[in-house]
């Protein structure tokens, strides 16, 4: 199969930007790189994008820079549209339940606001 593949992204509210702007330039560059992969690869390796088990369509974009690990929550709407939510620096093996709960809340807000339009 030839041709370009591209997913659109939409940043919901300021959650992503609050996280992104708090990072140094090297981390921001790596976040940009990984989001670029997620946008342009038809099949994204789990190393970069993984569905969070026990959630209804919530994914984490996985960023690793040196020994630092970061996650940006996202989900898909209308097929190839990626909705970016907040992020955090991962300090333990499992994604903290409170971070997942927060992302689920943001996702619900998104759909609630979308239904009001």
PDB file of N, CA and C in Angstrom:
ATOM      1  N   UNK A   1       0.853  -1.183   0.000  1.00  0.00           N
ATOM      2  CA  UNK A   1       0.000   0.000   0.000  1.00  0.00           C
ATOM      3  C   UNK A   1       0.889   1.234   0.000  1.00  0.00           C
ATOM      4  N   UNK A   2       0.613   2.157  -0.875  1.00  0.00           N
ATOM      5  CA  UNK A   2       1.427   3.359  -0.975  1.00  0.00           C
ATOM      6  C   UNK A   2       0.620   4.576  -0.555  1.00  0.00           C
ATOM      7  N   UNK A   3       1.296   5.696  -0.501  1.00  0.00           N
ATOM      8  CA  UNK A   3       0.609   6.939  -0.162  1.00  0.00           C
ATOM      9  C   UNK A   3       0.801   7.308   1.291  1.00  0.00           C
ATOM     10  N   UNK A   4       0.459   8.525   1.582  1.00  0.00           N
ATOM     11  CA  UNK A   4       0.606   9.054   2.922  1.00  0.00           C
ATOM     12  C   UNK A   4      -0.560   8.618   3.800  1.00  0.00           C
ATOM     13  N   UNK A   5      -0.264   8.455   5.063  1.00  0.00           N
ATOM     14  CA  UNK A   5      -1.292   8.192   6.062  1.00  0.00           C
ATOM     15  C   UNK A   5      -1.163   9.277   7.107  1.00  0.00           C
ATOM     16  N   UNK A   6      -2.273   9.816   7.566  1.00  0.00           N
ATOM     17  CA  UNK A   6      -2.197  10.903   8.522  1.00  0.00           C
ATOM     18  C   UNK A   6      -3.419  10.929   9.419  1.00  0.00           C
ATOM     19  N   UNK A   7      -3.183  11.043  10.716  1.00  0.00           N
ATOM     20  CA  UNK A   7      -4.260  11.245  11.684  1.00  0.00           C
ATOM     21  C   UNK A   7      -4.206  12.697  12.141  1.00  0.00           C
ATOM     22  N   UNK A   8      -5.352  13.313  12.269  1.00  0.00           N
ATOM     23  CA  UNK A   8      -5.430  14.662  12.827  1.00  0.00           C
ATOM     24  C   UNK A   8      -5.366  14.584  14.346  1.00  0.00           C
ATOM     25  N   UNK A   9      -4.884  15.642  14.969  1.00  0.00           N
ATOM     26  CA  UNK A   9      -4.896  15.718  16.420  1.00  0.00           C
ATOM     27  C   UNK A   9      -5.640  16.969  16.856  1.00  0.00           C
ATOM     28  N   UNK A  10      -6.231  16.870  18.018  1.00  0.00           N
ATOM     29  CA  UNK A  10      -6.950  17.978  18.626  1.00  0.00           C
ATOM     30  C   UNK A  10      -6.556  18.001  20.096  1.00  0.00           C
ATOM     31  N   UNK A  11      -6.113  19.149  20.568  1.00  0.00           N
ATOM     32  CA  UNK A  11      -5.745  19.288  21.976  1.00  0.00           C
ATOM     33  C   UNK A  11      -6.980  19.772  22.730  1.00  0.00           C
ATOM     34  N   UNK A  12      -7.454  18.941  23.660  1.00  0.00           N
ATOM     35  CA  UNK A  12      -8.650  19.283  24.426  1.00  0.00           C
ATOM     36  C   UNK A  12      -8.270  20.161  25.615  1.00  0.00           C
ATOM     37  N   UNK A  13      -8.887  21.312  25.676  1.00  0.00           N
ATOM     38  CA  UNK A  13      -8.654  22.318  26.727  1.00  0.00           C
ATOM     39  C   UNK A  13      -7.165  22.577  26.866  1.00  0.00           C
ATOM     40  N   UNK A  14      -6.703  22.791  28.102  1.00  0.00           N
ATOM     41  CA  UNK A  14      -5.291  23.147  28.299  1.00  0.00           C
ATOM     42  C   UNK A  14      -4.504  22.046  28.992  1.00  0.00           C
ATOM     43  N   UNK A  15      -5.118  20.899  29.202  1.00  0.00           N
ATOM     44  CA  UNK A  15      -4.459  19.829  29.960  1.00  0.00           C
ATOM     45  C   UNK A  15      -3.120  19.437  29.333  1.00  0.00           C
ATOM     46  N   UNK A  16      -3.118  19.187  28.027  1.00  0.00           N
ATOM     47  CA  UNK A  16      -1.884  18.791  27.348  1.00  0.00           C
ATOM     48  C   UNK A  16      -0.849  19.912  27.408  1.00  0.00           C
ATOM     49  N   UNK A  17      -1.281  21.139  27.101  1.00  0.00           N
ATOM     50  CA  UNK A  17      -0.327  22.245  27.051  1.00  0.00           C
ATOM     51  C   UNK A  17       0.286  22.542  28.414  1.00  0.00           C
ATOM     52  N   UNK A  18      -0.488  22.384  29.490  1.00  0.00           N
ATOM     53  CA  UNK A  18       0.066  22.572  30.838  1.00  0.00           C
ATOM     54  C   UNK A  18       1.211  21.590  31.068  1.00  0.00           C
ATOM     55  N   UNK A  19       1.000  20.340  30.691  1.00  0.00           N
ATOM     56  CA  UNK A  19       2.036  19.319  30.829  1.00  0.00           C
ATOM     57  C   UNK A  19       3.222  19.621  29.910  1.00  0.00           C
ATOM     58  N   UNK A  20       2.931  19.865  28.643  1.00  0.00           N
ATOM     59  CA  UNK A  20       3.970  20.078  27.627  1.00  0.00           C
ATOM     60  C   UNK A  20       4.868  21.267  27.977  1.00  0.00           C
ATOM     61  N   UNK A  21       4.270  22.387  28.331  1.00  0.00           N
ATOM     62  CA  UNK A  21       5.020  23.606  28.604  1.00  0.00           C
ATOM     63  C   UNK A  21       5.859  23.519  29.876  1.00  0.00           C
ATOM     64  N   UNK A  22       5.548  22.570  30.752  1.00  0.00           N
ATOM     65  CA  UNK A  22       6.324  22.381  31.980  1.00  0.00           C
ATOM     66  C   UNK A  22       7.599  21.563  31.736  1.00  0.00           C
ATOM     67  N   UNK A  23       7.740  20.994  30.529  1.00  0.00           N
ATOM     68  CA  UNK A  23       8.899  20.143  30.217  1.00  0.00           C
ATOM     69  C   UNK A  23      10.019  20.968  29.588  1.00  0.00           C
ATOM     70  N   UNK A  24      11.240  20.442  29.677  1.00  0.00           N
ATOM     71  CA  UNK A  24      12.355  21.126  29.023  1.00  0.00           C
ATOM     72  C   UNK A  24      12.328  20.854  27.516  1.00  0.00           C
ATOM     73  N   UNK A  25      13.160  21.571  26.786  1.00  0.00           N
ATOM     74  CA  UNK A  25      13.155  21.506  25.311  1.00  0.00           C
ATOM     75  C   UNK A  25      13.404  20.086  24.801  1.00  0.00           C
ATOM     76  N   UNK A  26      14.319  19.333  25.402  1.00  0.00           N
ATOM     77  CA  UNK A  26      14.598  17.968  24.953  1.00  0.00           C
ATOM     78  C   UNK A  26      13.373  17.071  25.092  1.00  0.00           C
ATOM     79  N   UNK A  27      12.659  17.198  26.199  1.00  0.00           N
ATOM     80  CA  UNK A  27      11.444  16.399  26.410  1.00  0.00           C
ATOM     81  C   UNK A  27      10.372  16.834  25.410  1.00  0.00           C
ATOM     82  N   UNK A  28      10.212  18.139  25.216  1.00  0.00           N
ATOM     83  CA  UNK A  28       9.229  18.630  24.245  1.00  0.00           C
ATOM     84  C   UNK A  28       9.532  18.093  22.853  1.00  0.00           C
ATOM     85  N   UNK A  29      10.810  18.093  22.467  1.00  0.00           N
ATOM     86  CA  UNK A  29      11.187  17.568  21.146  1.00  0.00           C
ATOM     87  C   UNK A  29      10.821  16.093  21.019  1.00  0.00           C
ATOM     88  N   UNK A  30      11.047  15.323  22.070  1.00  0.00           N
ATOM     89  CA  UNK A  30      10.728  13.895  22.028  1.00  0.00           C
ATOM     90  C   UNK A  30       9.209  13.681  21.982  1.00  0.00           C
ATOM     91  N   UNK A  31       8.460  14.482  22.740  1.00  0.00           N
ATOM     92  CA  UNK A  31       6.996  14.412  22.688  1.00  0.00           C
ATOM     93  C   UNK A  31       6.527  14.705  21.268  1.00  0.00           C
ATOM     94  N   UNK A  32       7.065  15.751  20.655  1.00  0.00           N
ATOM     95  CA  UNK A  32       6.703  16.109  19.274  1.00  0.00           C
ATOM     96  C   UNK A  32       6.999  14.949  18.324  1.00  0.00           C
ATOM     97  N   UNK A  33       8.166  14.325  18.496  1.00  0.00           N
ATOM     98  CA  UNK A  33       8.574  13.213  17.637  1.00  0.00           C
ATOM     99  C   UNK A  33       7.595  12.037  17.758  1.00  0.00           C
ATOM    100  N   UNK A  34       7.279  11.656  18.989  1.00  0.00           N
ATOM    101  CA  UNK A  34       6.403  10.493  19.196  1.00  0.00           C
ATOM    102  C   UNK A  34       4.980  10.798  18.719  1.00  0.00           C
ATOM    103  N   UNK A  35       4.473  11.980  18.983  1.00  0.00           N
ATOM    104  CA  UNK A  35       3.134  12.334  18.479  1.00  0.00           C
ATOM    105  C   UNK A  35       3.151  12.323  16.955  1.00  0.00           C
ATOM    106  N   UNK A  36       4.244  12.769  16.359  1.00  0.00           N
ATOM    107  CA  UNK A  36       4.380  12.698  14.901  1.00  0.00           C
ATOM    108  C   UNK A  36       4.292  11.270  14.384  1.00  0.00           C
ATOM    109  N   UNK A  37       4.905  10.326  15.102  1.00  0.00           N
ATOM    110  CA  UNK A  37       4.796   8.912  14.712  1.00  0.00           C
ATOM    111  C   UNK A  37       3.351   8.427  14.806  1.00  0.00           C
ATOM    112  N   UNK A  38       2.698   8.767  15.907  1.00  0.00           N
ATOM    113  CA  UNK A  38       1.304   8.344  16.109  1.00  0.00           C
ATOM    114  C   UNK A  38       0.411   8.917  15.012  1.00  0.00           C
ATOM    115  N   UNK A  39       0.708  10.121  14.583  1.00  0.00           N
ATOM    116  CA  UNK A  39      -0.096  10.760  13.534  1.00  0.00           C
ATOM    117  C   UNK A  39       0.145  10.136  12.167  1.00  0.00           C
ATOM    118  N   UNK A  40       1.369   9.648  11.917  1.00  0.00           N
ATOM    119  CA  UNK A  40       1.726   9.273  10.553  1.00  0.00           C
ATOM    120  C   UNK A  40       1.867   7.781  10.278  1.00  0.00           C
ATOM    121  N   UNK A  41       1.977   6.945  11.311  1.00  0.00           N
ATOM    122  CA  UNK A  41       2.099   5.508  11.081  1.00  0.00           C
ATOM    123  C   UNK A  41       0.724   4.858  11.074  1.00  0.00           C
ATOM    124  N   UNK A  42       0.459   4.054  10.061  1.00  0.00           N
ATOM    125  CA  UNK A  42      -0.832   3.362   9.994  1.00  0.00           C
ATOM    126  C   UNK A  42      -0.976   2.412  11.185  1.00  0.00           C
ATOM    127  N   UNK A  43       0.069   1.653  11.465  1.00  0.00           N
ATOM    128  CA  UNK A  43       0.093   0.760  12.624  1.00  0.00           C
ATOM    129  C   UNK A  43       1.193   1.272  13.552  1.00  0.00           C
ATOM    130  N   UNK A  44       0.797   1.756  14.721  1.00  0.00           N
ATOM    131  CA  UNK A  44       1.748   2.349  15.667  1.00  0.00           C
ATOM    132  C   UNK A  44       2.231   1.263  16.623  1.00  0.00           C
ATOM    133  N   UNK A  45       3.537   1.064  16.732  1.00  0.00           N
ATOM    134  CA  UNK A  45       4.053   0.067  17.677  1.00  0.00           C
ATOM    135  C   UNK A  45       3.619   0.394  19.110  1.00  0.00           C
ATOM    136  N   UNK A  46       3.388  -0.659  19.886  1.00  0.00           N
ATOM    137  CA  UNK A  46       2.957  -0.494  21.271  1.00  0.00           C
ATOM    138  C   UNK A  46       3.994   0.280  22.095  1.00  0.00           C
ATOM    139  N   UNK A  47       5.205   0.301  21.633  1.00  0.00           N
ATOM    140  CA  UNK A  47       6.258   1.081  22.300  1.00  0.00           C
ATOM    141  C   UNK A  47       5.872   2.562  22.387  1.00  0.00           C
ATOM    142  N   UNK A  48       5.066   3.029  21.431  1.00  0.00           N
ATOM    143  CA  UNK A  48       4.687   4.439  21.362  1.00  0.00           C
ATOM    144  C   UNK A  48       3.224   4.732  21.692  1.00  0.00           C
ATOM    145  N   UNK A  49       2.355   3.759  21.508  1.00  0.00           N
ATOM    146  CA  UNK A  49       0.923   3.974  21.756  1.00  0.00           C
ATOM    147  C   UNK A  49       0.316   2.680  22.267  1.00  0.00           C
ATOM    148  N   UNK A  50      -0.294   2.753  23.441  1.00  0.00           N
ATOM    149  CA  UNK A  50      -0.854   1.536  24.031  1.00  0.00           C
ATOM    150  C   UNK A  50      -2.227   1.823  24.621  1.00  0.00           C
ATOM    151  N   UNK A  51      -3.158   0.900  24.348  1.00  0.00           N
ATOM    152  CA  UNK A  51      -4.486   0.985  24.965  1.00  0.00           C
ATOM    153  C   UNK A  51      -4.346   0.650  26.441  1.00  0.00           C
ATOM    154  N   UNK A  52      -5.006   1.428  27.288  1.00  0.00           N
ATOM    155  CA  UNK A  52      -4.972   1.167  28.724  1.00  0.00           C
ATOM    156  C   UNK A  52      -6.058   0.157  29.071  1.00  0.00           C
ATOM    157  N   UNK A  53      -5.639  -1.007  29.550  1.00  0.00           N
ATOM    158  CA  UNK A  53      -6.592  -2.055  29.915  1.00  0.00           C
ATOM    159  C   UNK A  53      -7.538  -1.544  30.988  1.00  0.00           C
ATOM    160  N   UNK A  54      -8.777  -1.993  30.904  1.00  0.00           N
ATOM    161  CA  UNK A  54      -9.777  -1.604  31.886  1.00  0.00           C
ATOM    162  C   UNK A  54     -10.395  -0.245  31.619  1.00  0.00           C
ATOM    163  N   UNK A  55     -10.061   0.358  30.459  1.00  0.00           N
ATOM    164  CA  UNK A  55     -10.662   1.649  30.107  1.00  0.00           C
ATOM    165  C   UNK A  55     -11.474   1.473  28.830  1.00  0.00           C
ATOM    166  N   UNK A  56     -12.319   2.435  28.582  1.00  0.00           N
ATOM    167  CA  UNK A  56     -13.153   2.420  27.384  1.00  0.00           C
ATOM    168  C   UNK A  56     -12.508   3.297  26.313  1.00  0.00           C
ATOM    169  N   UNK A  57     -11.449   2.770  25.681  1.00  0.00           N
ATOM    170  CA  UNK A  57     -10.843   3.493  24.567  1.00  0.00           C
ATOM    171  C   UNK A  57      -9.820   4.542  24.942  1.00  0.00           C
ATOM    172  N   UNK A  58      -9.282   4.491  26.149  1.00  0.00           N
ATOM    173  CA  UNK A  58      -8.251   5.435  26.553  1.00  0.00           C
ATOM    174  C   UNK A  58      -6.884   4.836  26.220  1.00  0.00           C
ATOM    175  N   UNK A  59      -6.028   5.656  25.630  1.00  0.00           N
ATOM    176  CA  UNK A  59      -4.685   5.238  25.235  1.00  0.00           C
ATOM    177  C   UNK A  59      -3.657   6.120  25.916  1.00  0.00           C
ATOM    178  N   UNK A  60      -2.425   5.619  25.963  1.00  0.00           N
ATOM    179  CA  UNK A  60      -1.327   6.460  26.408  1.00  0.00           C
ATOM    180  C   UNK A  60      -0.276   6.505  25.316  1.00  0.00           C
ATOM    181  N   UNK A  61       0.146   7.726  24.997  1.00  0.00           N
ATOM    182  CA  UNK A  61       1.283   7.937  24.111  1.00  0.00           C
ATOM    183  C   UNK A  61       2.505   7.836  25.011  1.00  0.00           C
ATOM    184  N   UNK A  62       3.435   6.972  24.615  1.00  0.00           N
ATOM    185  CA  UNK A  62       4.549   6.605  25.484  1.00  0.00           C
ATOM    186  C   UNK A  62       5.841   7.265  25.011  1.00  0.00           C
ATOM    187  N   UNK A  63       6.417   8.070  25.894  1.00  0.00           N
ATOM    188  CA  UNK A  63       7.624   8.815  25.573  1.00  0.00           C
ATOM    189  C   UNK A  63       8.709   8.405  26.557  1.00  0.00           C
ATOM    190  N   UNK A  64       9.871   8.065  26.034  1.00  0.00           N
ATOM    191  CA  UNK A  64      11.011   7.743  26.891  1.00  0.00           C
ATOM    192  C   UNK A  64      12.199   8.569  26.420  1.00  0.00           C
ATOM    193  N   UNK A  65      12.821   9.246  27.361  1.00  0.00           N
ATOM    194  CA  UNK A  65      14.004  10.047  27.065  1.00  0.00           C
ATOM    195  C   UNK A  65      15.028   9.747  28.141  1.00  0.00           C
ATOM    196  N   UNK A  66      16.077   9.036  27.767  1.00  0.00           N
ATOM    197  CA  UNK A  66      17.046   8.591  28.753  1.00  0.00           C
ATOM    198  C   UNK A  66      16.363   7.647  29.720  1.00  0.00           C
ATOM    199  N   UNK A  67      16.459   7.964  30.994  1.00  0.00           N
ATOM    200  CA  UNK A  67      15.810   7.125  32.011  1.00  0.00           C
ATOM    201  C   UNK A  67      14.457   7.694  32.433  1.00  0.00           C
ATOM    202  N   UNK A  68      14.043   8.773  31.800  1.00  0.00           N
ATOM    203  CA  UNK A  68      12.764   9.403  32.132  1.00  0.00           C
ATOM    204  C   UNK A  68      11.663   8.892  31.219  1.00  0.00           C
ATOM    205  N   UNK A  69      10.518   8.626  31.816  1.00  0.00           N
ATOM    206  CA  UNK A  69       9.360   8.114  31.082  1.00  0.00           C
ATOM    207  C   UNK A  69       8.198   9.088  31.282  1.00  0.00           C
ATOM    208  N   UNK A  70       7.539   9.407  30.184  1.00  0.00           N
ATOM    209  CA  UNK A  70       6.398  10.315  30.204  1.00  0.00           C
ATOM    210  C   UNK A  70       5.233   9.649  29.495  1.00  0.00           C
ATOM    211  N   UNK A  71       4.030  10.038  29.874  1.00  0.00           N
ATOM    212  CA  UNK A  71       2.818   9.534  29.237  1.00  0.00           C
ATOM    213  C   UNK A  71       1.900  10.710  28.929  1.00  0.00           C
ATOM    214  N   UNK A  72       1.270  10.633  27.751  1.00  0.00           N
ATOM    215  CA  UNK A  72       0.233  11.591  27.371  1.00  0.00           C
ATOM    216  C   UNK A  72      -1.007  10.768  27.064  1.00  0.00           C
ATOM    217  N   UNK A  73      -2.097  11.063  27.751  1.00  0.00           N
ATOM    218  CA  UNK A  73      -3.341  10.333  27.508  1.00  0.00           C
ATOM    219  C   UNK A  73      -4.018  10.858  26.255  1.00  0.00           C
ATOM    220  N   UNK A  74      -4.680   9.951  25.560  1.00  0.00           N
ATOM    221  CA  UNK A  74      -5.411  10.335  24.362  1.00  0.00           C
ATOM    222  C   UNK A  74      -6.494   9.309  24.082  1.00  0.00           C
ATOM    223  N   UNK A  75      -7.360   9.637  23.134  1.00  0.00           N
ATOM    224  CA  UNK A  75      -8.366   8.699  22.645  1.00  0.00           C
ATOM    225  C   UNK A  75      -8.717   9.103  21.227  1.00  0.00           C
ATOM    226  N   UNK A  76      -9.412   8.212  20.545  1.00  0.00           N
ATOM    227  CA  UNK A  76      -9.795   8.468  19.166  1.00  0.00           C
ATOM    228  C   UNK A  76     -11.257   8.877  19.111  1.00  0.00           C
ATOM    229  N   UNK A  77     -11.535   9.851  18.264  1.00  0.00           N
ATOM    230  CA  UNK A  77     -12.908  10.282  18.014  1.00  0.00           C
ATOM    231  C   UNK A  77     -13.062  10.388  16.503  1.00  0.00           C
ATOM    232  N   UNK A  78     -14.173   9.922  15.996  1.00  0.00           N
ATOM    233  CA  UNK A  78     -14.456  10.001  14.558  1.00  0.00           C
ATOM    234  C   UNK A  78     -13.333   9.366  13.732  1.00  0.00           C
ATOM    235  N   UNK A  79     -12.922   8.173  14.115  1.00  0.00           N
ATOM    236  CA  UNK A  79     -11.941   7.441  13.324  1.00  0.00           C
ATOM    237  C   UNK A  79     -10.512   7.820  13.598  1.00  0.00           C
ATOM    238  N   UNK A  80      -9.947   8.697  12.772  1.00  0.00           N
ATOM    239  CA  UNK A  80      -8.531   9.018  12.872  1.00  0.00           C
ATOM    240  C   UNK A  80      -8.209  10.285  13.654  1.00  0.00           C
ATOM    241  N   UNK A  81      -9.198  10.897  14.292  1.00  0.00           N
ATOM    242  CA  UNK A  81      -8.947  12.104  15.074  1.00  0.00           C
ATOM    243  C   UNK A  81      -8.466  11.705  16.462  1.00  0.00           C
ATOM    244  N   UNK A  82      -7.257  12.138  16.816  1.00  0.00           N
ATOM    245  CA  UNK A  82      -6.694  11.841  18.131  1.00  0.00           C
ATOM    246  C   UNK A  82      -6.944  13.042  19.035  1.00  0.00           C
ATOM    247  N   UNK A  83      -7.572  12.803  20.171  1.00  0.00           N
ATOM    248  CA  UNK A  83      -7.822  13.849  21.145  1.00  0.00           C
ATOM    249  C   UNK A  83      -6.749  13.731  22.233  1.00  0.00           C
ATOM    250  N   UNK A  84      -5.924  14.766  22.370  1.00  0.00           N
ATOM    251  CA  UNK A  84      -4.859  14.760  23.373  1.00  0.00           C
ATOM    252  C   UNK A  84      -5.373  15.334  24.686  1.00  0.00           C
ATOM    253  N   UNK A  85      -5.108  14.599  25.754  1.00  0.00           N
ATOM    254  CA  UNK A  85      -5.480  15.037  27.098  1.00  0.00           C
ATOM    255  C   UNK A  85      -4.197  15.379  27.860  1.00  0.00           C
ATOM    256  N   UNK A  86      -4.238  15.296  29.163  1.00  0.00           N
ATOM    257  CA  UNK A  86      -3.081  15.621  29.984  1.00  0.00           C
ATOM    258  C   UNK A  86      -1.995  14.571  29.941  1.00  0.00           C
ATOM    259  N   UNK A  87      -0.874  14.899  30.533  1.00  0.00           N
ATOM    260  CA  UNK A  87       0.256  13.988  30.607  1.00  0.00           C
ATOM    261  C   UNK A  87       0.900  14.045  31.969  1.00  0.00           C
ATOM    262  N   UNK A  88       1.862  13.169  32.182  1.00  0.00           N
ATOM    263  CA  UNK A  88       2.583  13.149  33.450  1.00  0.00           C
ATOM    264  C   UNK A  88       3.898  12.413  33.261  1.00  0.00           C
ATOM    265  N   UNK A  89       4.810  12.616  34.214  1.00  0.00           N
ATOM    266  CA  UNK A  89       6.059  11.864  34.223  1.00  0.00           C
ATOM    267  C   UNK A  89       5.833  10.616  35.059  1.00  0.00           C
ATOM    268  N   UNK A  90       6.163   9.490  34.475  1.00  0.00           N
ATOM    269  CA  UNK A  90       5.923   8.200  35.123  1.00  0.00           C
ATOM    270  C   UNK A  90       7.103   7.868  36.027  1.00  0.00           C
ATOM    271  N   UNK A  91       6.802   7.546  37.281  1.00  0.00           N
ATOM    272  CA  UNK A  91       7.866   7.261  38.243  1.00  0.00           C
ATOM    273  C   UNK A  91       7.790   5.838  38.781  1.00  0.00           C
ATOM    274  N   UNK A  92       6.691   5.135  38.500  1.00  0.00           N
ATOM    275  CA  UNK A  92       6.535   3.743  38.942  1.00  0.00           C
ATOM    276  C   UNK A  92       6.155   2.890  37.745  1.00  0.00           C
ATOM    277  N   UNK A  93       6.204   1.573  37.898  1.00  0.00           N
ATOM    278  CA  UNK A  93       5.931   0.677  36.776  1.00  0.00           C
ATOM    279  C   UNK A  93       4.521   0.832  36.207  1.00  0.00           C
ATOM    280  N   UNK A  94       3.533   0.846  37.066  1.00  0.00           N
ATOM    281  CA  UNK A  94       2.149   0.932  36.589  1.00  0.00           C
ATOM    282  C   UNK A  94       1.707   2.391  36.518  1.00  0.00           C
ATOM    283  N   UNK A  95       0.833   2.667  35.560  1.00  0.00           N
ATOM    284  CA  UNK A  95       0.252   4.007  35.483  1.00  0.00           C
ATOM    285  C   UNK A  95      -0.655   4.201  36.694  1.00  0.00           C
ATOM    286  N   UNK A  96      -0.425   5.251  37.477  1.00  0.00           N
ATOM    287  CA  UNK A  96      -1.221   5.459  38.696  1.00  0.00           C
ATOM    288  C   UNK A  96      -2.723   5.565  38.387  1.00  0.00           C
ATOM    289  N   UNK A  97      -3.546   4.849  39.154  1.00  0.00           N
ATOM    290  CA  UNK A  97      -5.005   4.885  38.936  1.00  0.00           C
ATOM    291  C   UNK A  97      -5.586   6.292  38.945  1.00  0.00           C
ATOM    292  N   UNK A  98      -5.044   7.189  39.781  1.00  0.00           N
ATOM    293  CA  UNK A  98      -5.589   8.561  39.827  1.00  0.00           C
ATOM    294  C   UNK A  98      -5.336   9.300  38.521  1.00  0.00           C
ATOM    295  N   UNK A  99      -4.213   8.993  37.852  1.00  0.00           N
ATOM    296  CA  UNK A  99      -3.929   9.620  36.555  1.00  0.00           C
ATOM    297  C   UNK A  99      -4.923   9.114  35.504  1.00  0.00           C
ATOM    298  N   UNK A 100      -5.206   7.818  35.542  1.00  0.00           N
ATOM    299  CA  UNK A 100      -6.184   7.233  34.606  1.00  0.00           C
ATOM    300  C   UNK A 100      -7.565   7.818  34.866  1.00  0.00           C
ATOM    301  N   UNK A 101      -7.940   7.901  36.147  1.00  0.00           N
ATOM    302  CA  UNK A 101      -9.255   8.454  36.502  1.00  0.00           C
ATOM    303  C   UNK A 101      -9.379   9.899  36.029  1.00  0.00           C
ATOM    304  N   UNK A 102      -8.316  10.658  36.153  1.00  0.00           N
ATOM    305  CA  UNK A 102      -8.327  12.053  35.707  1.00  0.00           C
ATOM    306  C   UNK A 102      -8.513  12.123  34.186  1.00  0.00           C
ATOM    307  N   UNK A 103      -7.802  11.266  33.461  1.00  0.00           N
ATOM    308  CA  UNK A 103      -7.938  11.251  31.998  1.00  0.00           C
ATOM    309  C   UNK A 103      -9.350  10.816  31.588  1.00  0.00           C
ATOM    310  N   UNK A 104      -9.910   9.843  32.294  1.00  0.00           N
ATOM    311  CA  UNK A 104     -11.283   9.407  31.995  1.00  0.00           C
ATOM    312  C   UNK A 104     -12.256  10.564  32.205  1.00  0.00           C
ATOM    313  N   UNK A 105     -12.044  11.348  33.259  1.00  0.00           N
ATOM    314  CA  UNK A 105     -12.894  12.509  33.536  1.00  0.00           C
ATOM    315  C   UNK A 105     -12.790  13.522  32.394  1.00  0.00           C
ATOM    316  N   UNK A 106     -11.560  13.775  31.922  1.00  0.00           N
ATOM    317  CA  UNK A 106     -11.360  14.715  30.820  1.00  0.00           C
ATOM    318  C   UNK A 106     -12.054  14.214  29.549  1.00  0.00           C
ATOM    319  N   UNK A 107     -11.983  12.912  29.302  1.00  0.00           N
ATOM    320  CA  UNK A 107     -12.636  12.329  28.128  1.00  0.00           C
ATOM    321  C   UNK A 107     -14.158  12.519  28.218  1.00  0.00           C
ATOM    322  N   UNK A 108     -14.722  12.283  29.399  1.00  0.00           N
ATOM    323  CA  UNK A 108     -16.167  12.475  29.593  1.00  0.00           C
ATOM    324  C   UNK A 108     -16.549  13.936  29.371  1.00  0.00           C
ATOM    325  N   UNK A 109     -15.724  14.860  29.880  1.00  0.00           N
ATOM    326  CA  UNK A 109     -15.968  16.299  29.662  1.00  0.00           C
ATOM    327  C   UNK A 109     -16.015  16.608  28.167  1.00  0.00           C
ATOM    328  N   UNK A 110     -15.058  16.051  27.439  1.00  0.00           N
ATOM    329  CA  UNK A 110     -14.978  16.284  25.993  1.00  0.00           C
ATOM    330  C   UNK A 110     -16.284  15.872  25.317  1.00  0.00           C
ATOM    331  N   UNK A 111     -16.743  14.650  25.589  1.00  0.00           N
ATOM    332  CA  UNK A 111     -17.972  14.171  24.946  1.00  0.00           C
ATOM    333  C   UNK A 111     -19.203  14.938  25.415  1.00  0.00           C
ATOM    334  N   UNK A 112     -19.213  15.332  26.668  1.00  0.00           N
ATOM    335  CA  UNK A 112     -20.339  16.128  27.170  1.00  0.00           C
ATOM    336  C   UNK A 112     -20.400  17.464  26.422  1.00  0.00           C
ATOM    337  N   UNK A 113     -19.247  18.143  26.316  1.00  0.00           N
ATOM    338  CA  UNK A 113     -19.221  19.434  25.620  1.00  0.00           C
ATOM    339  C   UNK A 113     -19.539  19.271  24.137  1.00  0.00           C
ATOM    340  N   UNK A 114     -19.073  18.188  23.556  1.00  0.00           N
ATOM    341  CA  UNK A 114     -19.348  17.937  22.137  1.00  0.00           C
ATOM    342  C   UNK A 114     -20.847  17.730  21.916  1.00  0.00           C
ATOM    343  N   UNK A 115     -21.522  17.070  22.857  1.00  0.00           N
ATOM    344  CA  UNK A 115     -22.963  16.794  22.716  1.00  0.00           C
ATOM    345  C   UNK A 115     -23.795  18.073  22.836  1.00  0.00           C
ATOM    346  N   UNK A 116     -23.242  19.106  23.445  1.00  0.00           N
ATOM    347  CA  UNK A 116     -23.972  20.361  23.632  1.00  0.00           C
ATOM    348  C   UNK A 116     -23.907  21.254  22.397  1.00  0.00           C
ATOM    349  N   UNK A 117     -23.045  20.908  21.443  1.00  0.00           N
ATOM    350  CA  UNK A 117     -22.865  21.759  20.254  1.00  0.00           C
ATOM    351  C   UNK A 117     -23.948  21.524  19.236  1.00  0.00           C
TER     352      UNK A 117
END
